[in-house]
Amino acid sequence: MQVSSSEKPSAVKPRHHLFPVGQLLPFILVTALFFLWGIPNNLNDVLIRQFMKSFAINRLQAGLVQSAFYLGYFVLAMPAALIMRRSGYKTGFVTGLFLYAAGCFLFWPAAIAGRYGFFLLALFVIASGLSFLETASNPFIAQLGDPDTSEQRLNFSQAFNPIGSITGALIGTAFIFSGIELSPEQIAAQKSAGIYNAYLQAERLRVIKPYVVLGIVCVIWALIILRTKFPAIQSEHEESSEGHGHFSELFKYRHFLLAVVAQFLYVGAQVGTWSYFIQYVQEYAHEPEKVAGYFLTGTLAAFGVGRFFSAYLMRSVSPSKLMGLYSIVNVVLLGIGVLRPGWFGVWCVFLTSFFMSLMFPTIFALGLKGLGPNTKLGGSLLVMAIVGGAVLTPAMGWLSERFHHVAPAYAVPLVAYVFIAFYAFLGAKQKESKPVPKAI
């Protein structure tokens, strides 16, 4: 029996496109933002070590770098969502880039003034801009195109974030680290000669050029986005109050609430791991700061490879199952890093970056599934969860000061991965929820 031509199309499976058809330019411009915000994220890891040296502070005090930075994300994520709910994603991109640039330019007067608090303010402003960028970029990419490939597409775009991270670590290692590390005896000698403050000031001034150049790049990119036509994402232009969504409705979604907790713990684990990795290498492999900085660059490269490799694996493996397996591997690796510090521990902590690589975008995309008009508000809360970096990093600093070693601090990210494994295997499953009746 012959099949008629009108029946043939129904037998053909629909093709799921990874990239948005007809919207490649906005997709490319926004994907580039993932690269741009990766740079300051991992310049912070260099700054922690640099500020310990140039301000003569301990690990706990230096950890305030991440606290100031990730508090910026926390404070501005909700205003960013509200502004974008009114004006759209493009406004979020441009606002974020200008704030990012302003924070970078503040590094110049901060270095001249030589005030640690001024630097923390500059980092807060940078992170405020990044909060806009992340609140806008993640849901924009997830919704720009075929919903069946949202996790894959977001993982692809997020894969450019570690390239930015590698660039930031390289810039910091090459242009901020001077390679001059004074022993206690040399410090005492310089203080006696009255030249120690000049040394500290010279070390602080090394941060100016990288940040000013980065600020200029941000201004240029903002102007390009301003002149580019962006597509209307459906939820941007729904005019009813129902179309905008409500915060109260988010509490109906168990998978979303658990995603917020998982994201909080993941970001804290990632930031803490990288923040103290230079010191871990110096303490247990006995390498100088520049060599330790290149080790940081290497682990960030492993993170980037993991992003691309994981995006490929997701073609045949469920994103949640893959994330669960990766979490278990990281629990084992960090267990070795805590209990067996040394070169073996260094390489185990090094490898955790590969396996953490898919977690942020996967948690983000899984958490947003099924939120409908609440997507922007849900995305803002997932970005606010980045405050985990502000909480867990100082906690790791406190543990390292308490035990007088860095290794015990890595128990913090280990516990985080235990919860992420639970979320991946059980917590990410969506449950049907009854709609909340509208008030009359």
Protein backbone atom coordinates (compact mmCIF):
# COMPACT_ATOMS: atom_id res chain seq x y z
CA MET A 1 0.00 0.00 0.00
CA GLN A 2 1.43 3.36 -1.01
CA VAL A 3 1.62 6.28 1.39
CA SER A 4 0.27 9.53 -0.01
CA SER A 5 2.54 12.57 -0.20
CA SER A 6 0.31 14.39 2.31
CA GLU A 7 1.00 11.68 4.90
CA LYS A 8 4.78 11.56 4.50
CA PRO A 9 5.72 14.63 6.57
CA SER A 10 4.00 13.19 9.66
CA ALA A 11 6.42 10.24 9.61
CA VAL A 12 9.45 12.50 9.67
CA LYS A 13 10.76 13.41 13.12
CA PRO A 14 11.10 17.17 13.69
CA ARG A 15 14.67 18.42 13.62
CA HIS A 16 15.77 20.17 16.79
CA HIS A 17 18.07 23.10 16.04
CA LEU A 18 20.80 23.96 18.53
CA PHE A 19 21.35 27.49 17.18
CA PRO A 20 18.47 29.96 16.71
CA VAL A 21 17.47 30.13 13.06
CA GLY A 22 17.69 33.69 11.69
CA GLN A 23 19.04 35.18 14.94
CA LEU A 24 22.73 34.28 14.79
CA LEU A 25 24.05 37.86 15.28
CA PRO A 26 22.24 38.51 18.60
CA PHE A 27 23.19 34.97 19.66
CA ILE A 28 26.88 35.66 18.93
CA LEU A 29 26.85 39.08 20.65
CA VAL A 30 25.29 37.64 23.80
CA THR A 31 27.46 34.52 23.78
CA ALA A 32 30.49 36.86 23.75
CA LEU A 33 29.23 38.29 27.06
CA PHE A 34 29.82 34.89 28.70
CA PHE A 35 33.49 35.31 27.71
CA LEU A 36 33.62 38.90 28.98
CA TRP A 37 32.26 38.20 32.45
CA GLY A 38 34.59 35.22 32.86
CA ILE A 39 37.60 37.55 32.86
CA PRO A 40 36.96 39.47 36.13
CA ASN A 41 35.63 36.33 37.83
CA ASN A 42 39.06 34.74 37.66
CA LEU A 43 41.10 37.90 37.91
CA ASN A 44 39.71 37.80 41.46
CA ASP A 45 41.68 34.61 42.14
CA VAL A 46 44.85 36.50 41.24
CA LEU A 47 43.73 39.58 43.20
CA ILE A 48 43.31 37.54 46.39
CA ARG A 49 46.96 36.54 46.29
CA GLN A 50 48.06 40.01 45.11
CA PHE A 51 46.15 41.81 47.88
CA MET A 52 47.54 39.44 50.52
CA LYS A 53 50.93 40.67 49.37
CA SER A 54 50.28 44.35 48.61
CA PHE A 55 48.10 45.00 51.68
CA ALA A 56 49.83 42.46 53.98
CA ILE A 57 46.52 40.77 54.92
CA ASN A 58 45.59 37.15 55.76
CA ARG A 59 43.49 34.65 53.77
CA LEU A 60 40.24 35.45 55.55
CA GLN A 61 40.61 39.19 54.87
CA ALA A 62 41.62 38.54 51.26
CA GLY A 63 38.51 36.37 50.87
CA LEU A 64 36.47 39.56 51.22
CA VAL A 65 37.34 40.14 47.55
CA GLN A 66 34.86 37.41 46.67
CA SER A 67 32.37 38.61 49.29
CA ALA A 68 32.24 42.12 47.81
CA PHE A 69 32.10 40.71 44.31
CA TYR A 70 29.30 38.21 44.82
CA LEU A 71 27.29 40.55 47.03
CA GLY A 72 27.09 42.75 43.94
CA TYR A 73 25.42 39.87 42.12
CA PHE A 74 23.03 39.29 45.02
CA VAL A 75 21.98 42.92 45.50
CA LEU A 76 21.47 43.78 41.83
CA ALA A 77 19.95 40.57 40.44
CA MET A 78 16.39 41.45 41.48
CA PRO A 79 16.51 45.10 40.27
CA ALA A 80 17.96 43.75 37.02
CA ALA A 81 15.02 41.37 36.60
CA LEU A 82 12.48 44.11 37.34
CA ILE A 83 14.13 46.52 34.88
CA MET A 84 14.25 43.85 32.17
CA ARG A 85 10.66 42.84 32.83
CA ARG A 86 9.73 46.41 31.92
CA SER A 87 12.30 47.19 29.22
CA GLY A 88 13.54 43.87 27.86
CA TYR A 89 16.77 41.91 27.74
CA LYS A 90 18.67 44.38 25.56
CA THR A 91 18.40 47.07 28.26
CA GLY A 92 19.89 44.56 30.69
CA PHE A 93 22.86 43.87 28.42
CA VAL A 94 23.70 47.53 27.89
CA THR A 95 23.19 48.55 31.54
CA GLY A 96 25.34 45.65 32.69
CA LEU A 97 28.20 46.50 30.34
CA PHE A 98 28.30 50.15 31.41
CA LEU A 99 28.31 49.20 35.12
CA TYR A 100 31.02 46.63 34.41
CA ALA A 101 33.12 49.31 32.69
CA ALA A 102 32.56 51.81 35.52
CA GLY A 103 33.83 49.32 38.10
CA CYS A 104 36.92 48.61 36.01
CA PHE A 105 37.73 52.31 35.71
CA LEU A 106 37.43 52.67 39.52
CA PHE A 107 40.52 50.48 39.90
CA TRP A 108 42.67 53.44 38.82
CA PRO A 109 41.77 55.82 41.69
CA ALA A 110 41.60 52.84 44.08
CA ALA A 111 45.20 51.89 43.30
CA ILE A 112 46.42 55.47 43.64
CA ALA A 113 44.58 55.92 46.95
CA GLY A 114 45.91 52.57 48.19
CA ARG A 115 42.69 51.75 50.05
CA TYR A 116 41.55 48.13 50.25
CA GLY A 117 37.95 49.22 50.83
CA PHE A 118 38.05 51.28 47.61
CA PHE A 119 39.04 48.16 45.67
CA LEU A 120 36.17 46.24 47.27
CA LEU A 121 33.77 48.98 46.16
CA ALA A 122 35.11 48.76 42.58
CA LEU A 123 34.63 44.99 42.62
CA PHE A 124 31.06 45.45 43.90
CA VAL A 125 30.30 47.79 40.97
CA ILE A 126 31.80 45.33 38.46
CA ALA A 127 29.71 42.51 39.90
CA SER A 128 26.61 44.72 39.77
CA GLY A 129 27.13 44.95 36.03
CA LEU A 130 27.76 41.23 35.74
CA SER A 131 24.54 40.59 37.65
CA PHE A 132 22.64 42.38 34.87
CA LEU A 133 24.54 40.44 32.22
CA GLU A 134 23.94 37.03 33.80
CA THR A 135 20.31 37.73 34.70
CA ALA A 136 19.71 38.67 31.06
CA SER A 137 22.03 36.33 29.15
CA ASN A 138 21.20 32.94 30.66
CA PRO A 139 17.40 33.03 30.14
CA PHE A 140 17.83 34.90 26.82
CA ILE A 141 20.02 32.13 25.39
CA ALA A 142 17.84 29.39 26.90
CA GLN A 143 14.70 30.87 25.30
CA LEU A 144 16.28 31.97 21.98
CA GLY A 145 15.42 29.00 19.79
CA ASP A 146 14.16 25.44 20.15
CA PRO A 147 13.10 24.77 23.78
CA ASP A 148 14.10 21.10 23.39
CA THR A 149 17.75 22.13 23.04
CA SER A 150 17.80 24.84 25.74
CA GLU A 151 20.26 22.98 28.03
CA GLN A 152 22.57 22.21 25.11
CA ARG A 153 22.42 25.77 23.78
CA LEU A 154 23.08 27.30 27.21
CA ASN A 155 25.97 24.90 27.79
CA PHE A 156 27.41 25.89 24.41
CA SER A 157 27.25 29.61 25.22
CA GLN A 158 28.51 29.00 28.75
CA ALA A 159 31.48 27.14 27.23
CA PHE A 160 32.91 30.53 26.29
CA ASN A 161 32.85 31.60 29.93
CA PRO A 162 35.87 29.45 30.88
CA ILE A 163 37.75 30.84 27.89
CA GLY A 164 37.24 34.24 29.52
CA SER A 165 38.29 32.72 32.85
CA ILE A 166 41.52 31.41 31.30
CA THR A 167 42.13 34.83 29.76
CA GLY A 168 41.58 36.51 33.14
CA ALA A 169 43.96 34.15 34.93
CA LEU A 170 46.61 34.63 32.23
CA ILE A 171 46.24 38.43 32.29
CA GLY A 172 46.54 38.44 36.07
CA THR A 173 49.51 36.07 36.15
CA ALA A 174 51.39 37.91 33.40
CA PHE A 175 50.55 41.55 34.18
CA ILE A 176 49.56 41.72 37.87
CA PHE A 177 51.94 39.24 39.49
CA SER A 178 55.41 40.80 39.60
CA GLY A 179 57.10 37.57 40.68
CA ILE A 180 58.67 39.43 43.61
CA GLU A 181 57.83 37.59 46.83
CA LEU A 182 59.58 38.91 49.91
CA SER A 183 60.61 36.68 52.77
CA PRO A 184 59.93 37.88 56.36
CA GLU A 185 63.61 38.82 56.61
CA GLN A 186 63.46 40.91 53.41
CA ILE A 187 60.28 42.63 54.61
CA ALA A 188 61.99 43.52 57.90
CA ALA A 189 65.00 44.84 55.98
CA GLN A 190 62.83 46.99 53.70
CA LYS A 191 60.92 48.37 56.67
CA SER A 192 64.22 49.32 58.31
CA ALA A 193 65.31 51.04 55.11
CA GLY A 194 61.95 52.83 54.79
CA ILE A 195 61.17 51.40 51.34
CA TYR A 196 58.56 48.74 52.19
CA ASN A 197 55.58 51.07 51.60
CA ALA A 198 56.98 51.97 48.16
CA TYR A 199 57.11 48.23 47.34
CA LEU A 200 53.48 47.79 48.44
CA GLN A 201 52.35 50.77 46.37
CA ALA A 202 54.18 49.47 43.28
CA GLU A 203 52.42 46.13 43.68
CA ARG A 204 49.02 47.82 43.98
CA LEU A 205 49.57 49.95 40.86
CA ARG A 206 50.06 46.81 38.75
CA VAL A 207 46.28 46.23 38.65
CA ILE A 208 45.46 49.48 36.80
CA LYS A 209 46.27 48.68 33.16
CA PRO A 210 44.43 45.34 32.85
CA TYR A 211 41.23 46.76 34.34
CA VAL A 212 41.25 50.00 32.34
CA VAL A 213 41.67 48.06 29.07
CA LEU A 214 38.84 45.72 30.10
CA GLY A 215 36.60 48.73 30.81
CA ILE A 216 37.24 50.15 27.34
CA VAL A 217 36.30 46.81 25.72
CA CYS A 218 33.01 46.78 27.68
CA VAL A 219 32.06 50.28 26.49
CA ILE A 220 32.74 49.30 22.86
CA TRP A 221 30.65 46.12 23.16
CA ALA A 222 27.75 48.03 24.75
CA LEU A 223 27.70 50.42 21.79
CA ILE A 224 27.65 47.50 19.31
CA ILE A 225 24.68 45.92 21.11
CA LEU A 226 22.87 49.29 21.16
CA ARG A 227 23.09 49.44 17.36
CA THR A 228 21.94 45.82 16.82
CA LYS A 229 18.30 44.76 16.44
CA PHE A 230 17.35 42.08 18.96
CA PRO A 231 14.44 39.64 18.67
CA ALA A 232 11.43 39.88 20.97
CA ILE A 233 11.45 36.97 23.40
CA GLN A 234 7.79 36.07 23.92
CA SER A 235 7.61 36.76 27.64
CA GLU A 236 9.14 40.21 27.22
CA HIS A 237 6.08 41.72 25.60
CA GLU A 238 3.22 40.07 27.40
CA GLU A 239 1.34 43.04 28.78
CA SER A 240 -0.93 41.47 31.38
CA SER A 241 0.11 41.18 35.00
CA GLU A 242 -0.43 37.42 34.64
CA GLY A 243 2.04 37.39 31.76
CA HIS A 244 4.70 38.99 33.92
CA GLY A 245 4.46 36.27 36.56
CA HIS A 246 4.53 36.58 40.35
CA PHE A 247 7.13 35.71 42.96
CA SER A 248 4.58 33.79 45.03
CA GLU A 249 4.06 31.38 42.16
CA LEU A 250 7.73 30.35 42.21
CA PHE A 251 7.23 28.61 45.56
CA LYS A 252 5.00 26.06 43.83
CA TYR A 253 7.96 24.66 41.90
CA ARG A 254 9.98 22.25 44.06
CA HIS A 255 12.54 21.63 41.30
CA PHE A 256 13.13 25.40 41.02
CA LEU A 257 13.58 25.96 44.77
CA LEU A 258 16.08 23.10 44.98
CA ALA A 259 17.85 24.57 41.94
CA VAL A 260 18.37 27.83 43.86
CA VAL A 261 20.00 25.90 46.74
CA ALA A 262 22.09 23.83 44.33
CA GLN A 263 23.23 26.97 42.50
CA PHE A 264 24.16 28.67 45.79
CA LEU A 265 26.32 25.68 46.78
CA TYR A 266 27.76 25.19 43.30
CA VAL A 267 28.93 28.77 42.88
CA GLY A 268 30.41 28.74 46.38
CA ALA A 269 32.24 25.48 45.54
CA GLN A 270 33.56 26.81 42.23
CA VAL A 271 34.67 30.20 43.53
CA GLY A 272 36.21 28.76 46.68
CA THR A 273 38.08 26.05 44.78
CA TRP A 274 39.70 28.55 42.44
CA SER A 275 40.21 31.31 45.02
CA TYR A 276 42.54 29.19 47.13
CA PHE A 277 44.04 27.00 44.41
CA ILE A 278 47.11 29.22 43.95
CA GLN A 279 47.79 28.95 47.69
CA TYR A 280 47.10 25.18 47.64
CA VAL A 281 49.75 24.75 44.92
CA GLN A 282 52.21 26.99 46.77
CA GLU A 283 51.69 25.21 50.09
CA TYR A 284 51.74 21.58 48.94
CA ALA A 285 53.74 21.67 45.69
CA HIS A 286 56.09 24.43 46.92
CA GLU A 287 55.89 26.42 43.68
CA PRO A 288 56.26 30.24 43.32
CA GLU A 289 53.24 32.47 42.66
CA LYS A 290 53.71 32.70 38.88
CA VAL A 291 53.94 28.90 38.49
CA ALA A 292 50.89 28.53 40.76
CA GLY A 293 49.11 31.12 38.60
CA TYR A 294 49.77 29.02 35.51
CA PHE A 295 48.39 25.98 37.34
CA LEU A 296 45.23 28.01 37.92
CA THR A 297 45.16 28.79 34.19
CA GLY A 298 45.50 25.08 33.48
CA THR A 299 42.60 24.07 35.69
CA LEU A 300 40.46 26.76 34.03
CA ALA A 301 41.43 25.26 30.66
CA ALA A 302 40.21 21.89 31.96
CA PHE A 303 36.96 23.65 32.89
CA GLY A 304 36.62 24.94 29.32
CA VAL A 305 37.30 21.53 27.79
CA GLY A 306 34.72 20.07 30.16
CA ARG A 307 32.08 22.54 28.98
CA PHE A 308 32.49 21.66 25.29
CA PHE A 309 32.84 17.93 25.98
CA SER A 310 29.77 17.92 28.21
CA ALA A 311 27.70 19.81 25.62
CA TYR A 312 28.63 17.04 23.16
CA LEU A 313 27.77 14.25 25.62
CA MET A 314 24.35 15.79 26.26
CA ARG A 315 23.35 14.74 22.77
CA SER A 316 23.06 11.19 24.10
CA VAL A 317 23.12 11.49 27.93
CA SER A 318 20.51 13.19 30.10
CA PRO A 319 21.95 16.52 31.42
CA SER A 320 20.76 15.78 34.96
CA LYS A 321 22.27 12.28 35.04
CA LEU A 322 25.56 13.53 33.62
CA MET A 323 25.70 16.26 36.28
CA GLY A 324 25.00 13.70 38.98
CA LEU A 325 27.87 11.48 37.83
CA TYR A 326 30.22 14.46 37.64
CA SER A 327 29.24 15.50 41.19
CA ILE A 328 30.12 12.06 42.57
CA VAL A 329 33.51 12.17 40.82
CA ASN A 330 34.22 15.57 42.41
CA VAL A 331 33.32 14.28 45.87
CA VAL A 332 35.99 11.59 45.43
CA LEU A 333 38.59 13.99 44.00
CA LEU A 334 38.13 16.55 46.77
CA GLY A 335 38.21 13.82 49.40
CA ILE A 336 41.72 13.00 48.16
CA GLY A 337 42.61 16.71 48.03
CA VAL A 338 41.61 17.14 51.68
CA LEU A 339 43.09 13.92 53.07
CA ARG A 340 46.17 13.50 50.83
CA PRO A 341 47.51 17.02 50.08
CA GLY A 342 50.68 17.11 48.03
CA TRP A 343 51.27 16.73 44.31
CA PHE A 344 48.60 14.00 44.12
CA GLY A 345 46.13 16.29 45.89
CA VAL A 346 47.05 19.19 43.60
CA TRP A 347 46.17 17.17 40.50
CA CYS A 348 42.93 15.92 42.07
CA VAL A 349 41.78 19.48 42.87
CA PHE A 350 42.98 20.49 39.39
CA LEU A 351 40.68 17.90 37.77
CA THR A 352 37.56 19.00 39.66
CA SER A 353 37.28 21.93 37.25
CA PHE A 354 36.60 19.56 34.35
CA PHE A 355 33.74 17.88 36.21
CA MET A 356 32.21 21.07 37.64
CA SER A 357 32.09 22.62 34.16
CA LEU A 358 28.52 21.73 33.20
CA MET A 359 26.92 22.48 36.56
CA PHE A 360 26.02 26.18 36.44
CA PRO A 361 24.22 26.18 33.07
CA THR A 362 22.62 22.78 33.68
CA ILE A 363 21.24 23.78 37.10
CA PHE A 364 20.08 27.07 35.57
CA ALA A 365 18.29 25.46 32.63
CA LEU A 366 16.74 22.67 34.73
CA GLY A 367 15.54 25.19 37.30
CA LEU A 368 13.82 27.35 34.66
CA LYS A 369 11.98 24.42 33.05
CA GLY A 370 8.22 24.88 33.18
CA LEU A 371 8.23 28.34 34.82
CA GLY A 372 6.44 30.02 31.89
CA PRO A 373 5.86 33.75 32.57
CA ASN A 374 7.85 33.42 35.80
CA THR A 375 11.05 32.72 33.85
CA LYS A 376 12.62 36.19 34.30
CA LEU A 377 11.87 36.27 38.02
CA GLY A 378 13.12 32.72 38.42
CA GLY A 379 16.27 33.58 36.49
CA SER A 380 16.93 36.53 38.80
CA LEU A 381 16.71 34.29 41.89
CA LEU A 382 19.09 31.79 40.30
CA VAL A 383 21.52 34.64 39.68
CA MET A 384 21.05 35.86 43.27
CA ALA A 385 22.11 32.37 44.36
CA ILE A 386 25.57 33.32 43.10
CA VAL A 387 25.94 34.92 46.54
CA GLY A 388 27.18 31.47 47.52
CA GLY A 389 30.57 32.69 46.35
CA ALA A 390 30.42 35.46 48.95
CA VAL A 391 29.55 33.04 51.75
CA LEU A 392 31.51 29.85 51.10
CA THR A 393 34.80 31.52 50.10
CA PRO A 394 35.31 33.34 53.44
CA ALA A 395 34.17 30.14 55.17
CA MET A 396 37.02 28.34 53.41
CA GLY A 397 39.36 31.15 54.43
CA TRP A 398 38.28 30.79 58.05
CA LEU A 399 38.87 27.03 57.97
CA SER A 400 42.32 27.47 56.46
CA GLU A 401 43.21 29.99 59.20
CA ARG A 402 41.70 27.73 61.87
CA PHE A 403 43.70 24.66 60.81
CA HIS A 404 46.74 26.64 59.54
CA HIS A 405 46.53 24.77 56.22
CA VAL A 406 44.54 25.19 53.01
CA ALA A 407 43.58 21.53 52.45
CA PRO A 408 40.88 21.25 55.18
CA ALA A 409 39.04 24.20 53.58
CA TYR A 410 38.28 22.05 50.53
CA ALA A 411 35.81 20.03 52.63
CA VAL A 412 33.38 22.92 51.96
CA PRO A 413 33.06 22.32 48.19
CA LEU A 414 33.06 18.57 48.84
CA VAL A 415 29.83 18.88 50.86
CA ALA A 416 28.36 21.14 48.16
CA TYR A 417 28.83 18.44 45.51
CA VAL A 418 27.00 15.91 47.70
CA PHE A 419 23.88 18.11 47.56
CA ILE A 420 24.29 18.76 43.82
CA ALA A 421 24.37 14.98 43.22
CA PHE A 422 21.08 14.71 45.14
CA TYR A 423 19.58 17.53 43.06
CA ALA A 424 20.73 15.97 39.79
CA PHE A 425 19.29 12.52 40.46
CA LEU A 426 16.14 13.42 42.43
CA GLY A 427 15.55 17.15 42.98
CA ALA A 428 15.46 18.26 39.33
CA LYS A 429 12.36 16.23 38.53
CA GLN A 430 9.37 18.48 37.87
CA LYS A 431 6.13 17.94 39.72
CA GLU A 432 2.78 19.02 38.43
CA SER A 433 1.34 21.92 40.40
CA LYS A 434 -2.21 23.23 40.39
CA PRO A 435 -2.56 26.80 39.13
CA VAL A 436 -3.15 29.42 41.80
CA PRO A 437 -6.66 30.91 41.33
CA LYS A 438 -6.66 34.58 40.41
CA ALA A 439 -8.06 37.00 42.97
CA ILE A 440 -11.20 38.72 41.79
